[in-house]
Amino acid sequence: MTIISNSIAILQSLFGVMLSRMSGDSPVAAGTALAYEVRDRVAWLTLDDGGPNALNTEIFNAFFAALDAAEADEDVGSVVIAGREGFFSAGMDLKWMQTIDRDALGTIGPDMARLAHRIFIFPKPVIAAVEGHAIAGGAVILLACDRSVGATGSYKIGLNEVAIGIPFGGFAMDLARAHLVPSAFGAGLLHGSVYEPARAYEVGYLDELVEPGAVRERAGQIAAEAARLNSFAYTMTKQAMRGDLAATISEQAESGMLVPLFQAFADLRAGGDQ
């Protein structure tokens, strides 16, 4: 029965993708700041809220829906995650966080871990196209991708949680350790350092730097090349390379250990009201 149920679920998912393509519908809810488009076997997930591309529950759910669609679509060979010029993502939506209760705040850490896990172990290549600030949660998304291309310029990239009063650790620290040089991992994280693109490239946040205006073209080239790789070989190699850390991220997301991480904001609010 389990095999039959799984087969039905797979067929339903594929049928849903076919209907979506026929109707032109996006897997992402209308009005969401995340756009989904498939071009030449590359699924483009473009975050543009007209501002800092801040993360919240709606954006997390949009990413999950888009990644589910990209995985189920056999015509998609790779994924590009992009922001807008000026902002890849500045991390969590602090204004939104001021409006939600303690229980809702407790979902942020697990949701961030689930998104990082989904990208990190995604069975198809995932490329980050960075044309602006990638801070805190935005930098976590960047580090979860397989490869990254950034524009030269004057924006900032980094994990600045300590500098804004959020304890840093868990799965995000493991992702940082896998990418960053010792100085950026050690003193950089302890002091919440952020970096200009050239330095971000040197310390491990970015894999390539190109001129402004050329980021999407280069990311598209990498994604198109990656889409032609043998999917079985790619997926199995990624699993062998990342499986242990992916399992750790998933365990942290589901264990409850990340629930208190952002609930500190509720405590700060309560203290301020006294």
Foldseek 3Di string as FASTA:
>chain_A
DVVVVVVVVLVVLLVVLVVCVVVVHDLQDPPAQWDWDDDQLEIETEGEPVPQSADAPSVLVRLVSRLSSLLSDPSHQEYEQEYDAAHSHAYHDVVVLVVDALQRLLLVQLSLLVSLLCQQLPLHAYEYQENHEQEASSLSNLLSHPAYEYEADFHKYWYQQVVVPFDDDFLSLVSCVVFFDPVCSPPVNNRSHIDGVVVCCVGGSHVYYDHPPCRVVVRVVVSSVRSPDDSVVSNVVSCVVCVVSSVRSNCCSPVSVSSCRRSVVVVVVVVVVD
